[in-house]
């Protein structure tokens, strides 16, 4: 009787582990399919004339080309790579979230060292 009890428990344990493994694999497969179905855009920083700019690229296509600081009255490039990256990341996150990716003057000025 004791041996049968141990065999049943062992069998239940194996079935539970296999079920858990199956659930994990299915979940991972669904996540991979979702990731493949919707490619994400990427940020590229570049030097431009006497400053910096950025572009948003997806599948080797430039979707947004921004060689100058957006949302300000003057068309000048970003002063440094860090501020370019900050504004670019802000735009990229909004773009990938399917939100309005435009930035306000106040948001841009917060990213610049001193304007």
N, C-alpha and C. Protein backbone atom coordinates (compact mmCIF):
# COMPACT_ATOMS: atom_id res chain seq x y z
N UNK A 1 0.81 -1.19 0.00
CA UNK A 1 0.00 0.00 0.00
C UNK A 1 0.86 1.26 0.00
N UNK A 2 1.97 1.21 0.78
CA UNK A 2 2.85 2.35 0.86
C UNK A 2 3.56 2.60 -0.48
N UNK A 3 3.95 1.54 -1.17
CA UNK A 3 4.63 1.65 -2.45
C UNK A 3 3.69 2.27 -3.49
N UNK A 4 2.45 1.91 -3.49
CA UNK A 4 1.47 2.48 -4.42
C UNK A 4 1.28 3.96 -4.14
N UNK A 5 1.22 4.32 -2.87
CA UNK A 5 1.09 5.73 -2.49
C UNK A 5 2.27 6.55 -3.00
N UNK A 6 3.47 6.03 -2.86
CA UNK A 6 4.68 6.72 -3.33
C UNK A 6 4.66 6.85 -4.85
N UNK A 7 4.25 5.80 -5.53
CA UNK A 7 4.17 5.85 -7.00
C UNK A 7 3.15 6.88 -7.46
N UNK A 8 2.02 6.95 -6.80
CA UNK A 8 0.99 7.93 -7.16
C UNK A 8 1.50 9.35 -6.93
N UNK A 9 2.16 9.58 -5.81
CA UNK A 9 2.71 10.90 -5.52
C UNK A 9 3.79 11.27 -6.54
N UNK A 10 4.63 10.33 -6.88
CA UNK A 10 5.67 10.58 -7.87
C UNK A 10 5.04 10.91 -9.22
N UNK A 11 4.02 10.19 -9.58
CA UNK A 11 3.33 10.42 -10.84
C UNK A 11 2.67 11.81 -10.85
N UNK A 12 2.04 12.17 -9.77
CA UNK A 12 1.40 13.49 -9.65
C UNK A 12 2.46 14.59 -9.73
N UNK A 13 3.59 14.38 -9.09
CA UNK A 13 4.68 15.35 -9.12
C UNK A 13 5.18 15.55 -10.55
N UNK A 14 5.40 14.46 -11.28
CA UNK A 14 5.88 14.56 -12.66
C UNK A 14 4.85 15.24 -13.56
N UNK A 15 3.59 14.91 -13.39
CA UNK A 15 2.54 15.54 -14.19
C UNK A 15 2.48 17.04 -13.89
N UNK A 16 2.62 17.41 -12.63
CA UNK A 16 2.62 18.82 -12.25
C UNK A 16 3.80 19.57 -12.86
N UNK A 17 4.99 18.96 -12.78
CA UNK A 17 6.18 19.59 -13.35
C UNK A 17 6.07 19.73 -14.87
N UNK A 18 5.58 18.70 -15.54
CA UNK A 18 5.41 18.76 -16.99
C UNK A 18 4.36 19.81 -17.39
N UNK A 19 3.32 19.91 -16.61
CA UNK A 19 2.29 20.93 -16.87
C UNK A 19 2.87 22.33 -16.71
N UNK A 20 3.63 22.52 -15.66
CA UNK A 20 4.26 23.82 -15.43
C UNK A 20 5.23 24.16 -16.55
N UNK A 21 6.03 23.21 -16.96
CA UNK A 21 6.97 23.42 -18.06
C UNK A 21 6.22 23.76 -19.36
N UNK A 22 5.13 23.08 -19.62
CA UNK A 22 4.32 23.35 -20.81
C UNK A 22 3.77 24.77 -20.78
N UNK A 23 3.27 25.18 -19.64
CA UNK A 23 2.73 26.54 -19.50
C UNK A 23 3.83 27.58 -19.73
N UNK A 24 4.99 27.36 -19.16
CA UNK A 24 6.11 28.29 -19.35
C UNK A 24 6.51 28.37 -20.82
N UNK A 25 6.62 27.25 -21.48
CA UNK A 25 6.99 27.23 -22.90
C UNK A 25 5.94 27.92 -23.77
N UNK A 26 4.68 27.68 -23.50
CA UNK A 26 3.61 28.33 -24.25
C UNK A 26 3.65 29.84 -24.05
N UNK A 27 3.84 30.26 -22.82
CA UNK A 27 3.91 31.69 -22.52
C UNK A 27 5.08 32.35 -23.27
N UNK A 28 6.22 31.69 -23.24
CA UNK A 28 7.40 32.21 -23.95
C UNK A 28 7.13 32.27 -25.45
N UNK A 29 6.50 31.26 -26.00
CA UNK A 29 6.20 31.24 -27.44
C UNK A 29 5.27 32.38 -27.82
N UNK A 30 4.29 32.64 -27.01
CA UNK A 30 3.36 33.74 -27.30
C UNK A 30 4.09 35.07 -27.24
N UNK A 31 4.97 35.25 -26.28
CA UNK A 31 5.72 36.50 -26.18
C UNK A 31 6.61 36.69 -27.40
N UNK A 32 7.25 35.65 -27.87
CA UNK A 32 8.12 35.74 -29.05
C UNK A 32 7.29 36.10 -30.28
N UNK A 33 6.13 35.50 -30.44
CA UNK A 33 5.27 35.81 -31.57
C UNK A 33 4.83 37.27 -31.52
N UNK A 34 4.47 37.78 -30.34
CA UNK A 34 4.08 39.18 -30.21
C UNK A 34 5.23 40.10 -30.57
N UNK A 35 6.44 39.77 -30.12
CA UNK A 35 7.60 40.60 -30.42
C UNK A 35 7.90 40.61 -31.91
N UNK A 36 7.76 39.47 -32.56
CA UNK A 36 8.03 39.39 -33.99
C UNK A 36 6.96 40.12 -34.80
N UNK A 37 5.74 40.14 -34.30
CA UNK A 37 4.64 40.76 -35.03
C UNK A 37 4.74 42.27 -35.09
N UNK A 38 5.38 42.87 -34.13
CA UNK A 38 5.46 44.33 -34.09
C UNK A 38 6.90 44.77 -33.82
N UNK A 39 7.64 45.09 -34.87
CA UNK A 39 9.02 45.52 -34.67
C UNK A 39 9.07 46.88 -33.98
N UNK A 40 10.08 47.06 -33.19
CA UNK A 40 10.26 48.32 -32.47
C UNK A 40 11.25 49.21 -33.21
N UNK A 41 10.99 50.49 -33.14
CA UNK A 41 11.90 51.47 -33.73
C UNK A 41 13.11 51.62 -32.82
N UNK A 42 14.19 52.11 -33.39
CA UNK A 42 15.44 52.30 -32.64
C UNK A 42 15.94 53.72 -32.81
N UNK A 43 16.71 54.17 -31.84
CA UNK A 43 17.27 55.52 -31.86
C UNK A 43 18.71 55.47 -32.35
N UNK A 44 19.05 56.36 -33.25
CA UNK A 44 20.44 56.51 -33.71
C UNK A 44 20.84 57.96 -33.53
N UNK A 45 21.98 58.17 -32.89
CA UNK A 45 22.53 59.50 -32.66
C UNK A 45 23.64 59.74 -33.68
N UNK A 46 23.71 60.96 -34.21
CA UNK A 46 24.76 61.25 -35.18
C UNK A 46 25.27 62.68 -34.99
N UNK A 47 26.51 62.90 -35.42
CA UNK A 47 27.07 64.25 -35.42
C UNK A 47 26.59 64.95 -36.68
N UNK A 48 26.24 66.22 -36.52
CA UNK A 48 25.69 66.98 -37.63
C UNK A 48 26.27 68.38 -37.59
N UNK A 49 26.94 68.76 -38.67
CA UNK A 49 27.61 70.06 -38.77
C UNK A 49 28.39 70.35 -37.50
N UNK A 50 27.98 71.35 -36.71
CA UNK A 50 28.73 71.68 -35.49
C UNK A 50 27.98 71.22 -34.23
N UNK A 51 27.20 70.15 -34.36
CA UNK A 51 26.45 69.65 -33.21
C UNK A 51 26.02 68.21 -33.41
N UNK A 52 24.85 67.89 -32.87
CA UNK A 52 24.35 66.53 -32.87
C UNK A 52 22.90 66.48 -33.33
N UNK A 53 22.48 65.31 -33.77
CA UNK A 53 21.10 65.07 -34.16
C UNK A 53 20.75 63.62 -33.90
N UNK A 54 19.50 63.27 -34.15
CA UNK A 54 19.10 61.88 -33.98
C UNK A 54 18.11 61.50 -35.07
N UNK A 55 17.96 60.20 -35.22
CA UNK A 55 16.93 59.68 -36.10
C UNK A 55 16.32 58.44 -35.49
N UNK A 56 15.04 58.23 -35.81
CA UNK A 56 14.31 57.05 -35.37
C UNK A 56 14.23 56.13 -36.58
N UNK A 57 14.72 54.90 -36.43
CA UNK A 57 14.84 53.96 -37.54
C UNK A 57 14.11 52.66 -37.20
N UNK A 58 13.44 52.11 -38.22
CA UNK A 58 12.82 50.80 -38.07
C UNK A 58 13.03 50.04 -39.36
N UNK A 59 13.56 48.83 -39.24
CA UNK A 59 13.84 47.98 -40.40
C UNK A 59 14.68 48.74 -41.44
N UNK A 60 15.69 49.42 -40.99
CA UNK A 60 16.63 50.16 -41.82
C UNK A 60 15.98 51.32 -42.59
N UNK A 61 14.80 51.75 -42.18
CA UNK A 61 14.14 52.90 -42.79
C UNK A 61 14.09 54.03 -41.77
N UNK A 62 14.49 55.21 -42.19
CA UNK A 62 14.46 56.37 -41.31
C UNK A 62 13.02 56.89 -41.25
N UNK A 63 12.45 56.87 -40.06
CA UNK A 63 11.08 57.34 -39.87
C UNK A 63 11.04 58.79 -39.41
N UNK A 64 12.00 59.15 -38.56
CA UNK A 64 12.11 60.53 -38.08
C UNK A 64 13.57 60.93 -38.19
N UNK A 65 13.81 62.04 -38.89
CA UNK A 65 15.16 62.57 -39.03
C UNK A 65 15.16 63.93 -38.35
N UNK A 66 15.92 64.08 -37.27
CA UNK A 66 15.91 65.30 -36.47
C UNK A 66 17.33 65.83 -36.30
N UNK A 67 17.83 66.63 -37.28
CA UNK A 67 19.18 67.16 -37.17
C UNK A 67 19.27 68.42 -36.30
N UNK A 68 18.13 68.98 -35.92
CA UNK A 68 18.12 70.19 -35.10
C UNK A 68 17.23 69.99 -33.88
N UNK A 69 17.36 70.89 -32.92
CA UNK A 69 16.56 70.81 -31.69
C UNK A 69 15.10 71.11 -32.04
N UNK A 70 14.19 70.19 -31.72
CA UNK A 70 12.78 70.43 -32.05
C UNK A 70 12.11 71.38 -31.04
N UNK A 71 11.02 71.98 -31.45
CA UNK A 71 10.13 72.77 -30.60
C UNK A 71 10.71 74.10 -30.13
N UNK A 72 11.81 74.53 -30.70
CA UNK A 72 12.33 75.86 -30.36
C UNK A 72 12.30 76.71 -31.63
N UNK A 73 12.46 78.02 -31.46
CA UNK A 73 12.30 78.94 -32.58
C UNK A 73 13.47 78.96 -33.56
N UNK A 74 14.63 78.52 -33.14
CA UNK A 74 15.83 78.56 -33.97
C UNK A 74 16.20 77.16 -34.44
N UNK A 75 16.65 77.04 -35.68
CA UNK A 75 17.06 75.74 -36.22
C UNK A 75 18.55 75.54 -35.97
N UNK A 76 18.87 74.98 -34.80
CA UNK A 76 20.27 74.70 -34.46
C UNK A 76 20.37 73.24 -34.02
N UNK A 77 21.53 72.63 -34.25
CA UNK A 77 21.71 71.24 -33.81
C UNK A 77 21.83 71.16 -32.29
N UNK A 78 21.68 69.96 -31.77
CA UNK A 78 21.86 69.75 -30.33
C UNK A 78 23.31 70.05 -29.97
N UNK A 79 23.55 70.59 -28.77
CA UNK A 79 24.91 70.96 -28.38
C UNK A 79 25.80 69.79 -28.01
N UNK A 80 25.19 68.66 -27.58
CA UNK A 80 26.01 67.53 -27.15
C UNK A 80 25.23 66.22 -27.34
N UNK A 81 25.96 65.14 -27.24
CA UNK A 81 25.35 63.82 -27.44
C UNK A 81 24.35 63.46 -26.34
N UNK A 82 24.63 63.87 -25.12
CA UNK A 82 23.77 63.52 -23.98
C UNK A 82 22.37 64.12 -24.14
N UNK A 83 22.29 65.41 -24.44
CA UNK A 83 20.97 66.05 -24.59
C UNK A 83 20.25 65.51 -25.82
N UNK A 84 20.99 65.19 -26.86
CA UNK A 84 20.40 64.59 -28.06
C UNK A 84 19.75 63.25 -27.71
N UNK A 85 20.48 62.45 -26.95
CA UNK A 85 19.98 61.14 -26.56
C UNK A 85 18.75 61.26 -25.66
N UNK A 86 18.74 62.22 -24.74
CA UNK A 86 17.59 62.40 -23.84
C UNK A 86 16.32 62.70 -24.62
N UNK A 87 16.39 63.65 -25.54
CA UNK A 87 15.21 64.01 -26.33
C UNK A 87 14.85 62.85 -27.26
N UNK A 88 15.84 62.22 -27.87
CA UNK A 88 15.60 61.09 -28.77
C UNK A 88 14.91 59.94 -28.06
N UNK A 89 15.32 59.64 -26.85
CA UNK A 89 14.71 58.55 -26.08
C UNK A 89 13.26 58.90 -25.73
N UNK A 90 13.02 60.16 -25.39
CA UNK A 90 11.66 60.60 -25.10
C UNK A 90 10.74 60.38 -26.31
N UNK A 91 11.22 60.79 -27.49
CA UNK A 91 10.45 60.61 -28.73
C UNK A 91 10.29 59.13 -29.04
N UNK A 92 11.37 58.37 -28.91
CA UNK A 92 11.34 56.94 -29.23
C UNK A 92 10.34 56.18 -28.35
N UNK A 93 10.34 56.45 -27.06
CA UNK A 93 9.42 55.76 -26.14
C UNK A 93 7.97 56.05 -26.55
N UNK A 94 7.68 57.29 -26.88
CA UNK A 94 6.31 57.64 -27.28
C UNK A 94 5.96 56.99 -28.61
N UNK A 95 6.91 56.99 -29.52
CA UNK A 95 6.68 56.39 -30.83
C UNK A 95 6.37 54.90 -30.70
N UNK A 96 7.19 54.19 -29.94
CA UNK A 96 7.00 52.75 -29.76
C UNK A 96 5.73 52.41 -28.98
N UNK A 97 5.24 53.37 -28.20
CA UNK A 97 4.00 53.17 -27.44
C UNK A 97 2.78 53.61 -28.26
N UNK A 98 3.01 54.00 -29.51
CA UNK A 98 1.93 54.45 -30.41
C UNK A 98 1.22 55.69 -29.85
N UNK A 99 2.00 56.56 -29.23
CA UNK A 99 1.45 57.81 -28.70
C UNK A 99 1.92 58.97 -29.55
N UNK A 100 1.36 60.14 -29.30
CA UNK A 100 1.84 61.35 -29.97
C UNK A 100 3.29 61.56 -29.56
N UNK A 101 4.20 61.51 -30.51
CA UNK A 101 5.62 61.55 -30.17
C UNK A 101 6.23 62.94 -30.26
N UNK A 102 5.42 63.96 -30.49
CA UNK A 102 5.97 65.31 -30.51
C UNK A 102 6.35 65.73 -29.09
N UNK A 103 7.32 66.62 -29.00
CA UNK A 103 7.81 67.08 -27.70
C UNK A 103 7.56 68.59 -27.59
N UNK A 104 7.32 69.04 -26.38
CA UNK A 104 7.08 70.46 -26.15
C UNK A 104 8.40 71.19 -25.94
N UNK A 105 8.34 72.49 -26.04
CA UNK A 105 9.52 73.31 -25.81
C UNK A 105 10.05 73.10 -24.39
N UNK A 106 9.14 73.03 -23.43
CA UNK A 106 9.54 72.83 -22.03
C UNK A 106 10.25 71.48 -21.84
N UNK A 107 9.74 70.42 -22.46
CA UNK A 107 10.39 69.11 -22.34
C UNK A 107 11.78 69.12 -22.95
N UNK A 108 11.91 69.80 -24.07
CA UNK A 108 13.22 69.89 -24.74
C UNK A 108 14.20 70.68 -23.88
N UNK A 109 13.76 71.82 -23.37
CA UNK A 109 14.66 72.66 -22.57
C UNK A 109 15.13 71.95 -21.32
N UNK A 110 14.31 71.06 -20.76
CA UNK A 110 14.73 70.28 -19.58
C UNK A 110 15.86 69.33 -19.91
N UNK A 111 15.96 68.92 -21.18
CA UNK A 111 17.01 67.99 -21.59
C UNK A 111 18.31 68.67 -21.98
N UNK A 112 18.25 69.96 -22.25
CA UNK A 112 19.44 70.69 -22.69
C UNK A 112 20.24 71.19 -21.50
N UNK A 113 21.58 71.24 -21.63
CA UNK A 113 22.41 71.69 -20.52
C UNK A 113 22.12 73.14 -20.14
N UNK A 114 22.04 74.01 -21.11
CA UNK A 114 21.64 75.42 -20.88
C UNK A 114 21.36 76.03 -22.24
N UNK A 115 20.20 76.57 -22.36
CA UNK A 115 19.80 77.15 -23.64
C UNK A 115 19.51 78.60 -23.48
